[in-house]
Protein backbone atom coordinates (compact mmCIF):
# COMPACT_ATOMS: atom_id res chain seq x y z
CA MET A 1 9.42 -10.34 -2.23
CA GLY A 2 10.38 -8.29 -4.73
CA SER A 3 10.48 -8.63 -8.52
CA PRO A 4 13.82 -9.57 -10.24
CA ALA A 5 12.63 -6.99 -13.12
CA GLY A 6 12.58 -4.19 -11.16
CA LEU A 7 11.58 -1.77 -7.77
CA VAL A 8 8.14 -1.71 -6.00
CA PRO A 9 7.05 1.04 -4.95
CA ARG A 10 6.77 0.76 -0.74
CA ARG A 11 3.76 3.13 -0.47
CA LEU A 12 1.86 4.23 -3.50
CA SER A 13 -0.52 5.87 -2.85
CA HIS A 14 -2.91 8.36 -3.95
CA ARG A 15 -0.37 11.22 -2.36
CA GLN A 16 1.97 10.82 -4.51
CA PRO A 17 2.20 13.60 -7.64
CA ALA A 18 0.91 11.79 -11.22
CA ASP A 19 0.54 14.03 -14.25
CA PRO A 20 -3.09 13.16 -15.18
CA ARG A 21 -2.31 14.45 -18.32
CA SER A 22 -0.01 11.41 -18.74
CA ARG A 23 1.02 7.82 -17.64
CA LEU A 24 2.68 6.89 -14.46
CA SER A 25 6.01 5.07 -15.77
CA ALA A 26 7.74 5.28 -12.33
CA VAL A 27 7.56 6.60 -8.87
CA ILE A 28 10.90 6.83 -7.03
CA ASP A 29 9.75 6.68 -3.42
CA PHE A 30 11.94 6.92 -0.29
CA GLY A 31 10.03 7.08 2.30
CA GLY A 32 10.35 3.32 2.96
CA LEU A 33 13.53 2.58 2.25
CA GLY A 34 15.79 0.76 5.19
CA MET A 35 12.44 -0.76 6.61
CA GLY A 36 13.60 -4.85 6.37
CA ASP A 37 10.58 -6.02 5.83
CA PRO A 38 10.04 -7.74 2.94
CA ALA A 39 6.10 -7.62 4.04
CA CYS A 40 6.25 -3.87 3.34
CA ASP A 41 5.54 -4.17 -0.02
CA LEU A 42 2.28 -5.49 0.56
CA THR A 43 0.74 -1.93 1.58
CA ILE A 44 -0.91 -1.57 -2.12
CA ALA A 45 -2.67 -4.48 -1.98
CA PHE A 46 -4.40 -2.43 0.97
CA THR A 47 -4.82 0.43 -0.51
CA LEU A 48 -4.79 0.10 -4.07
CA MET A 49 -6.46 -3.43 -5.10
CA SER A 50 -10.31 -4.62 -4.67
CA ALA A 51 -10.58 -8.25 -2.76
CA GLY A 52 -10.49 -9.96 -6.00
CA SER A 53 -7.74 -8.42 -7.09
CA ARG A 54 -5.46 -9.14 -3.97
CA ALA A 55 -5.95 -12.75 -4.08
CA ALA A 56 -4.80 -13.10 -7.56
CA PHE A 57 -1.45 -10.33 -5.99
CA ARG A 58 -1.08 -12.64 -3.12
CA ALA A 59 -1.38 -15.88 -5.12
CA ALA A 60 1.03 -14.94 -7.88
CA LEU A 61 3.82 -14.04 -4.80
CA GLY A 62 3.26 -17.12 -3.26
CA VAL A 63 3.49 -14.86 0.08
CA ASP A 64 2.69 -17.36 2.93
CA ASP A 65 0.30 -16.73 6.04
CA ALA A 66 3.12 -14.28 8.05
CA THR A 67 4.01 -12.21 5.64
CA TRP A 68 0.90 -11.81 4.15
CA THR A 69 -0.30 -11.02 8.27
CA ARG A 70 2.62 -8.64 8.70
CA GLY A 71 1.93 -6.97 5.21
CA ARG A 72 -1.91 -6.22 6.79
CA GLY A 73 0.35 -4.48 9.80
CA TRP A 74 2.18 -1.76 7.86
CA ALA A 75 -0.89 -1.11 5.91
CA LEU A 76 -3.07 -0.59 9.08
CA THR A 77 -0.42 1.41 10.60
CA THR A 78 0.51 3.73 7.36
CA ALA A 79 -3.58 4.07 7.38
CA LEU A 80 -3.92 5.22 10.61
CA ASN A 81 -1.05 7.65 10.89
CA ALA A 82 -2.11 9.10 8.05
CA TYR A 83 -5.90 9.50 8.75
CA THR A 84 -4.86 10.56 12.50
CA SER A 85 -2.39 13.34 10.51
CA TYR A 86 -4.40 14.51 8.00
CA ALA A 87 -7.81 14.04 8.21
CA ALA A 88 -9.36 16.50 9.90
CA VAL A 89 -8.01 18.59 6.80
CA ASN A 90 -8.00 16.34 3.99
CA ARG A 91 -11.96 14.35 2.93
CA ARG A 92 -10.08 12.92 0.37
CA VAL A 93 -7.11 11.86 2.81
CA ALA A 94 -9.88 11.04 5.65
CA ALA A 95 -11.76 8.56 2.64
CA GLN A 96 -9.31 6.07 1.03
CA THR A 97 -7.57 6.43 4.97
CA THR A 98 -11.13 4.82 6.01
CA GLN A 99 -11.01 2.70 2.89
CA GLN A 100 -7.17 1.25 3.68
CA ILE A 101 -7.47 0.79 7.45
CA THR A 102 -11.09 -1.62 6.21
CA GLU A 103 -9.55 -3.28 3.42
CA ALA A 104 -6.24 -4.05 5.98
CA LEU A 105 -8.77 -5.06 8.42
CA ILE A 106 -10.83 -7.81 6.18
CA GLY A 107 -7.73 -8.70 4.73
């Protein structure tokens, strides 16, 4: 997994700070550092992509079934963790993580 052209963030999400007046050019997130499973990089497919985009993303990467399933698991785990930690106090997080949970379950 990963791109020889650069680094792929493990958990790009709505919680990452970004200046709304400018284009996002980089995100450095050390939260997933050392997890050791390249399937973690697939979490973004269930966080920010539609079903059609996910299919194109998976095809472009050539991801096998086992890695894809682990990626779904990572997406589900991170969403459940965020939901249980923040949903009661942040409606935006509740909505986004509910969507991520749904997308991870759908596949």
